Amino acid sequence: MRPAPALLAVLALAACAHDVTARFPSSPEQATGRVALVFTDVADGVTVAIDGVLVVQDARTERVVITGVPTGYADLSVAVGPTEKSARVWIEADRETAVPMGAVGEAPLSAVRSLAISLASVALYALLR
């Protein structure tokens, strides 16, 4: 494989968001449920804490699922880039509690567009020299 296509493939995969799964450190005998944070767009710099315990740090994602959260009320703190939100959510045993979140993110194709513009600029510079 030539270096240029391989580099482009690696950059494209690195820019993609992926779902994040984390586990809250609870004891095995506790009744637990799941919390799913669903963002409206790709969110960059996602950090999540539940009851003061950091479970996700600086992720790029559209969805975060946290398992092993003890039942009852849980204090959820979410930071996305420069914004943050705190909420108290009810967790039921063996169920998923969905929390929709707005995302201060970039348009999905903006990274590809920026890459294309950069490559075009380098090509134009090389042609003009």
N, C-alpha and C. Protein backbone atom coordinates (compact mmCIF):
# COMPACT_ATOMS: atom_id res chain seq x y z
N MET A 1 0.85 -1.17 0.00
CA MET A 1 0.00 0.00 0.00
C MET A 1 0.90 1.23 0.00
N ARG A 2 0.55 2.18 -0.81
CA ARG A 2 1.34 3.41 -0.88
C ARG A 2 1.11 4.24 0.38
N PRO A 3 2.08 5.05 0.77
CA PRO A 3 1.96 5.82 2.02
C PRO A 3 0.82 6.82 2.04
N ALA A 4 0.57 7.54 0.93
CA ALA A 4 -0.47 8.58 0.94
C ALA A 4 -1.86 8.00 1.20
N PRO A 5 -2.32 6.94 0.48
CA PRO A 5 -3.64 6.38 0.78
C PRO A 5 -3.73 5.80 2.19
N ALA A 6 -2.64 5.20 2.65
CA ALA A 6 -2.65 4.64 4.00
C ALA A 6 -2.80 5.74 5.04
N LEU A 7 -2.10 6.86 4.83
CA LEU A 7 -2.20 7.99 5.75
C LEU A 7 -3.61 8.56 5.76
N LEU A 8 -4.22 8.69 4.58
CA LEU A 8 -5.59 9.20 4.50
C LEU A 8 -6.57 8.27 5.20
N ALA A 9 -6.38 6.97 5.05
CA ALA A 9 -7.26 6.00 5.70
C ALA A 9 -7.15 6.10 7.21
N VAL A 10 -5.93 6.25 7.72
CA VAL A 10 -5.72 6.37 9.17
C VAL A 10 -6.35 7.66 9.69
N LEU A 11 -6.18 8.77 8.97
CA LEU A 11 -6.77 10.04 9.39
C LEU A 11 -8.28 9.97 9.38
N ALA A 12 -8.86 9.33 8.38
CA ALA A 12 -10.32 9.21 8.29
C ALA A 12 -10.86 8.39 9.46
N LEU A 13 -10.19 7.30 9.80
CA LEU A 13 -10.65 6.47 10.91
C LEU A 13 -10.47 7.17 12.25
N ALA A 14 -9.42 7.95 12.39
CA ALA A 14 -9.17 8.65 13.65
C ALA A 14 -10.19 9.75 13.89
N ALA A 15 -10.73 10.33 12.83
CA ALA A 15 -11.68 11.42 12.97
C ALA A 15 -13.09 10.92 13.27
N CYS A 16 -13.34 9.64 13.12
CA CYS A 16 -14.69 9.09 13.33
C CYS A 16 -15.02 8.99 14.82
N ALA A 17 -16.26 9.24 15.11
CA ALA A 17 -16.73 9.07 16.49
C ALA A 17 -17.16 7.62 16.68
N HIS A 18 -17.07 7.14 17.89
CA HIS A 18 -17.51 5.78 18.19
C HIS A 18 -18.27 5.80 19.51
N ASP A 19 -19.14 4.80 19.70
CA ASP A 19 -19.87 4.69 20.95
C ASP A 19 -18.90 4.34 22.08
N VAL A 20 -19.14 4.91 23.24
CA VAL A 20 -18.28 4.68 24.40
C VAL A 20 -19.08 3.89 25.43
N THR A 21 -18.48 2.84 25.96
CA THR A 21 -19.09 2.05 27.02
C THR A 21 -18.16 2.09 28.22
N ALA A 22 -18.72 2.37 29.39
CA ALA A 22 -17.93 2.43 30.63
C ALA A 22 -18.68 1.69 31.73
N ARG A 23 -17.98 1.32 32.76
CA ARG A 23 -18.60 0.63 33.90
C ARG A 23 -18.38 1.44 35.16
N PHE A 24 -19.48 1.68 35.88
CA PHE A 24 -19.41 2.36 37.17
C PHE A 24 -18.90 1.35 38.20
N PRO A 25 -17.99 1.74 39.08
CA PRO A 25 -17.43 0.78 40.04
C PRO A 25 -18.39 0.49 41.20
N SER A 26 -19.34 -0.41 40.98
CA SER A 26 -20.28 -0.80 42.02
C SER A 26 -19.97 -2.21 42.49
N SER A 27 -20.50 -2.57 43.66
CA SER A 27 -20.25 -3.92 44.17
C SER A 27 -21.18 -4.92 43.48
N PRO A 28 -20.76 -6.17 43.35
CA PRO A 28 -21.54 -7.17 42.62
C PRO A 28 -22.91 -7.46 43.24
N GLU A 29 -23.05 -7.28 44.55
CA GLU A 29 -24.34 -7.59 45.18
C GLU A 29 -25.37 -6.45 45.06
N GLN A 30 -24.96 -5.29 44.56
CA GLN A 30 -25.89 -4.17 44.39
C GLN A 30 -26.75 -4.37 43.15
N ALA A 31 -28.01 -3.93 43.25
CA ALA A 31 -28.89 -3.90 42.07
C ALA A 31 -28.45 -2.71 41.23
N THR A 32 -28.25 -2.94 39.93
CA THR A 32 -27.73 -1.88 39.07
C THR A 32 -28.54 -1.75 37.79
N GLY A 33 -28.35 -0.62 37.14
CA GLY A 33 -28.96 -0.35 35.84
C GLY A 33 -27.94 0.32 34.95
N ARG A 34 -28.43 0.86 33.80
CA ARG A 34 -27.54 1.51 32.84
C ARG A 34 -28.03 2.93 32.57
N VAL A 35 -27.08 3.81 32.23
CA VAL A 35 -27.39 5.17 31.80
C VAL A 35 -26.85 5.31 30.39
N ALA A 36 -27.68 5.80 29.47
CA ALA A 36 -27.26 6.04 28.09
C ALA A 36 -27.38 7.53 27.80
N LEU A 37 -26.27 8.17 27.51
CA LEU A 37 -26.26 9.57 27.09
C LEU A 37 -26.25 9.58 25.58
N VAL A 38 -27.28 10.16 24.97
CA VAL A 38 -27.40 10.17 23.52
C VAL A 38 -27.30 11.62 23.06
N PHE A 39 -26.25 11.92 22.29
CA PHE A 39 -26.00 13.28 21.82
C PHE A 39 -26.67 13.51 20.47
N THR A 40 -27.09 14.74 20.21
CA THR A 40 -27.76 15.08 18.96
C THR A 40 -26.81 15.09 17.78
N ASP A 41 -25.52 15.17 18.03
CA ASP A 41 -24.50 15.21 16.99
C ASP A 41 -23.21 14.67 17.61
N VAL A 42 -22.19 14.53 16.83
CA VAL A 42 -20.90 14.10 17.36
C VAL A 42 -20.43 15.13 18.39
N ALA A 43 -20.10 14.66 19.56
CA ALA A 43 -19.62 15.55 20.63
C ALA A 43 -18.15 15.25 20.89
N ASP A 44 -17.38 16.30 21.03
CA ASP A 44 -15.95 16.16 21.25
C ASP A 44 -15.62 16.61 22.67
N GLY A 45 -14.72 15.91 23.33
CA GLY A 45 -14.33 16.29 24.69
C GLY A 45 -15.37 15.94 25.72
N VAL A 46 -16.04 14.80 25.58
CA VAL A 46 -17.09 14.38 26.51
C VAL A 46 -16.46 13.81 27.77
N THR A 47 -16.86 14.36 28.91
CA THR A 47 -16.41 13.87 30.22
C THR A 47 -17.65 13.66 31.09
N VAL A 48 -17.73 12.48 31.73
CA VAL A 48 -18.92 12.12 32.51
C VAL A 48 -18.50 11.66 33.90
N ALA A 49 -19.22 12.16 34.91
CA ALA A 49 -19.04 11.69 36.28
C ALA A 49 -20.41 11.34 36.85
N ILE A 50 -20.47 10.26 37.60
CA ILE A 50 -21.70 9.86 38.28
C ILE A 50 -21.40 9.80 39.77
N ASP A 51 -22.19 10.53 40.55
CA ASP A 51 -21.99 10.63 42.00
C ASP A 51 -20.55 10.98 42.35
N GLY A 52 -19.94 11.84 41.55
CA GLY A 52 -18.59 12.30 41.81
C GLY A 52 -17.50 11.36 41.34
N VAL A 53 -17.85 10.25 40.70
CA VAL A 53 -16.86 9.29 40.21
C VAL A 53 -16.71 9.48 38.71
N LEU A 54 -15.49 9.78 38.26
CA LEU A 54 -15.22 9.98 36.84
C LEU A 54 -15.30 8.64 36.12
N VAL A 55 -16.17 8.55 35.09
CA VAL A 55 -16.31 7.28 34.36
C VAL A 55 -15.91 7.41 32.89
N VAL A 56 -15.97 8.61 32.32
CA VAL A 56 -15.55 8.84 30.93
C VAL A 56 -14.78 10.16 30.90
N GLN A 57 -13.66 10.17 30.18
CA GLN A 57 -12.88 11.40 30.10
C GLN A 57 -12.44 11.67 28.67
N ASP A 58 -12.77 12.86 28.18
CA ASP A 58 -12.31 13.39 26.89
C ASP A 58 -12.55 12.44 25.72
N ALA A 59 -13.80 12.00 25.56
CA ALA A 59 -14.16 11.09 24.46
C ALA A 59 -14.81 11.86 23.31
N ARG A 60 -14.71 11.32 22.11
CA ARG A 60 -15.38 11.86 20.92
C ARG A 60 -16.42 10.83 20.54
N THR A 61 -17.70 11.16 20.72
CA THR A 61 -18.74 10.17 20.58
C THR A 61 -20.11 10.78 20.29
N GLU A 62 -21.05 9.93 19.92
CA GLU A 62 -22.46 10.31 19.81
C GLU A 62 -23.30 9.62 20.88
N ARG A 63 -22.71 8.62 21.55
CA ARG A 63 -23.46 7.85 22.55
C ARG A 63 -22.50 7.31 23.62
N VAL A 64 -22.90 7.46 24.88
CA VAL A 64 -22.14 6.93 26.01
C VAL A 64 -23.08 6.03 26.80
N VAL A 65 -22.67 4.79 27.05
CA VAL A 65 -23.46 3.87 27.88
C VAL A 65 -22.61 3.51 29.09
N ILE A 66 -23.19 3.73 30.28
CA ILE A 66 -22.49 3.43 31.53
C ILE A 66 -23.28 2.34 32.24
N THR A 67 -22.63 1.22 32.46
CA THR A 67 -23.28 0.09 33.12
C THR A 67 -22.87 0.05 34.59
N GLY A 68 -23.60 -0.76 35.38
CA GLY A 68 -23.25 -0.94 36.79
C GLY A 68 -23.58 0.22 37.69
N VAL A 69 -24.51 1.09 37.26
CA VAL A 69 -24.90 2.24 38.09
C VAL A 69 -25.92 1.76 39.13
N PRO A 70 -25.66 1.99 40.42
CA PRO A 70 -26.58 1.53 41.46
C PRO A 70 -27.98 2.15 41.29
N THR A 71 -29.00 1.38 41.65
CA THR A 71 -30.38 1.85 41.51
C THR A 71 -30.65 3.00 42.47
N GLY A 72 -31.66 3.77 42.13
CA GLY A 72 -32.02 4.95 42.91
C GLY A 72 -31.59 6.20 42.17
N TYR A 73 -31.55 7.31 42.88
CA TYR A 73 -31.12 8.55 42.25
C TYR A 73 -29.60 8.57 42.06
N ALA A 74 -29.19 9.07 40.89
CA ALA A 74 -27.76 9.23 40.62
C ALA A 74 -27.54 10.66 40.14
N ASP A 75 -26.52 11.31 40.68
CA ASP A 75 -26.16 12.65 40.24
C ASP A 75 -25.21 12.54 39.06
N LEU A 76 -25.66 13.03 37.92
CA LEU A 76 -24.94 12.91 36.66
C LEU A 76 -24.37 14.27 36.28
N SER A 77 -23.07 14.32 36.00
CA SER A 77 -22.42 15.54 35.55
C SER A 77 -21.75 15.25 34.21
N VAL A 78 -22.09 16.07 33.20
CA VAL A 78 -21.57 15.86 31.85
C VAL A 78 -20.97 17.16 31.35
N ALA A 79 -19.73 17.09 30.87
CA ALA A 79 -19.10 18.25 30.25
C ALA A 79 -18.82 17.88 28.80
N VAL A 80 -19.23 18.78 27.89
CA VAL A 80 -19.00 18.59 26.46
C VAL A 80 -18.33 19.86 25.96
N GLY A 81 -17.03 19.73 25.70
CA GLY A 81 -16.30 20.93 25.28
C GLY A 81 -16.42 22.00 26.36
N PRO A 82 -16.88 23.22 25.99
CA PRO A 82 -16.97 24.31 26.96
C PRO A 82 -18.24 24.30 27.80
N THR A 83 -19.20 23.42 27.48
CA THR A 83 -20.47 23.41 28.22
C THR A 83 -20.52 22.25 29.19
N GLU A 84 -21.36 22.42 30.22
CA GLU A 84 -21.54 21.33 31.18
C GLU A 84 -22.98 21.31 31.64
N LYS A 85 -23.42 20.12 32.08
CA LYS A 85 -24.79 19.94 32.52
C LYS A 85 -24.79 18.96 33.68
N SER A 86 -25.60 19.26 34.68
CA SER A 86 -25.77 18.36 35.82
C SER A 86 -27.24 18.00 35.93
N ALA A 87 -27.50 16.75 36.27
CA ALA A 87 -28.89 16.30 36.41
C ALA A 87 -28.93 15.16 37.42
N ARG A 88 -30.07 15.02 38.04
CA ARG A 88 -30.31 13.88 38.92
C ARG A 88 -31.27 12.96 38.18
N VAL A 89 -30.84 11.73 37.95
CA VAL A 89 -31.66 10.78 37.19
C VAL A 89 -31.98 9.57 38.05
N TRP A 90 -33.12 8.95 37.76
CA TRP A 90 -33.55 7.76 38.48
C TRP A 90 -33.08 6.52 37.72
N ILE A 91 -32.42 5.61 38.40
CA ILE A 91 -31.90 4.39 37.79
C ILE A 91 -32.72 3.21 38.31
N GLU A 92 -33.27 2.42 37.38
CA GLU A 92 -34.01 1.22 37.75
C GLU A 92 -33.15 -0.01 37.48
N ALA A 93 -33.38 -1.06 38.25
CA ALA A 93 -32.60 -2.29 38.11
C ALA A 93 -32.81 -2.92 36.73
N ASP A 94 -31.71 -3.32 36.11
CA ASP A 94 -31.71 -4.03 34.83
C ASP A 94 -32.43 -3.28 33.71
N ARG A 95 -32.46 -1.95 33.79
CA ARG A 95 -33.05 -1.14 32.72
C ARG A 95 -32.09 -0.05 32.31
N GLU A 96 -32.32 0.49 31.12
CA GLU A 96 -31.48 1.58 30.63
C GLU A 96 -32.24 2.89 30.74
N THR A 97 -31.62 3.87 31.37
CA THR A 97 -32.18 5.21 31.47
C THR A 97 -31.51 6.07 30.41
N ALA A 98 -32.29 6.55 29.44
CA ALA A 98 -31.75 7.37 28.35
C ALA A 98 -31.83 8.84 28.71
N VAL A 99 -30.74 9.55 28.46
CA VAL A 99 -30.68 10.99 28.71
C VAL A 99 -30.23 11.66 27.42
N PRO A 100 -31.18 12.34 26.72
CA PRO A 100 -30.78 13.04 25.49
C PRO A 100 -29.97 14.29 25.83
N MET A 101 -28.92 14.52 25.05
CA MET A 101 -28.03 15.65 25.30
C MET A 101 -27.79 16.41 24.00
N GLY A 102 -27.77 17.73 24.08
CA GLY A 102 -27.37 18.53 22.94
C GLY A 102 -25.85 18.47 22.81
N ALA A 103 -25.36 18.63 21.61
CA ALA A 103 -23.91 18.56 21.39
C ALA A 103 -23.41 19.84 20.76
N VAL A 104 -22.35 20.38 21.34
CA VAL A 104 -21.69 21.53 20.75
C VAL A 104 -20.57 20.93 19.92
N GLY A 105 -20.90 20.48 18.75
CA GLY A 105 -19.91 19.80 17.93
C GLY A 105 -19.81 20.42 16.56
N GLU A 106 -18.99 19.82 15.79
CA GLU A 106 -18.80 20.28 14.43
C GLU A 106 -19.77 19.54 13.52
N ALA A 107 -19.99 20.07 12.35
CA ALA A 107 -20.80 19.37 11.37
C ALA A 107 -20.09 18.07 11.02
N PRO A 108 -20.83 16.99 10.73
CA PRO A 108 -20.20 15.70 10.50
C PRO A 108 -19.12 15.69 9.41
N LEU A 109 -19.29 16.49 8.38
CA LEU A 109 -18.31 16.46 7.30
C LEU A 109 -17.28 17.58 7.38
N SER A 110 -17.29 18.35 8.43
CA SER A 110 -16.36 19.47 8.51
C SER A 110 -14.90 19.01 8.58
N ALA A 111 -14.64 17.88 9.23
CA ALA A 111 -13.26 17.38 9.30
C ALA A 111 -12.79 16.95 7.92
N VAL A 112 -13.66 16.30 7.16
CA VAL A 112 -13.31 15.88 5.80
C VAL A 112 -13.12 17.11 4.92
N ARG A 113 -14.01 18.09 5.07
CA ARG A 113 -13.90 19.32 4.29
C ARG A 113 -12.59 20.04 4.60
N SER A 114 -12.24 20.12 5.87
CA SER A 114 -10.98 20.79 6.27
C SER A 114 -9.77 20.07 5.70
N LEU A 115 -9.81 18.73 5.72
CA LEU A 115 -8.72 17.96 5.15
C LEU A 115 -8.60 18.21 3.65
N ALA A 116 -9.74 18.22 2.95
CA ALA A 116 -9.73 18.45 1.50
C ALA A 116 -9.19 19.85 1.16
N ILE A 117 -9.59 20.84 1.92
CA ILE A 117 -9.11 22.21 1.69
C ILE A 117 -7.61 22.30 1.94
N SER A 118 -7.13 21.64 2.98
CA SER A 118 -5.69 21.64 3.28
C SER A 118 -4.89 20.99 2.16
N LEU A 119 -5.38 19.84 1.69
CA LEU A 119 -4.68 19.15 0.60
C LEU A 119 -4.70 19.98 -0.69
N ALA A 120 -5.83 20.63 -0.97
CA ALA A 120 -5.92 21.48 -2.16
C ALA A 120 -4.96 22.66 -2.05
N SER A 121 -4.83 23.22 -0.85
CA SER A 121 -3.92 24.35 -0.65
C SER A 121 -2.47 23.93 -0.89
N VAL A 122 -2.11 22.74 -0.38
CA VAL A 122 -0.74 22.25 -0.60
C VAL A 122 -0.49 21.99 -2.08
N ALA A 123 -1.46 21.41 -2.78
CA ALA A 123 -1.31 21.15 -4.21
C ALA A 123 -1.18 22.45 -4.99
N LEU A 124 -2.00 23.45 -4.66
CA LEU A 124 -1.93 24.74 -5.34
C LEU A 124 -0.59 25.42 -5.09
N TYR A 125 -0.11 25.35 -3.87
CA TYR A 125 1.19 25.93 -3.54
C TYR A 125 2.30 25.25 -4.34
N ALA A 126 2.23 23.90 -4.43
CA ALA A 126 3.25 23.18 -5.19
C ALA A 126 3.21 23.54 -6.67
N LEU A 127 2.01 23.74 -7.22
CA LEU A 127 1.89 24.11 -8.63
C LEU A 127 2.41 25.53 -8.90
N LEU A 128 2.20 26.43 -7.98
CA LEU A 128 2.62 27.82 -8.16
C LEU A 128 4.12 28.00 -7.98
N ARG A 129 4.77 27.12 -7.27
CA ARG A 129 6.21 27.23 -7.05
C ARG A 129 6.89 26.73 -8.24
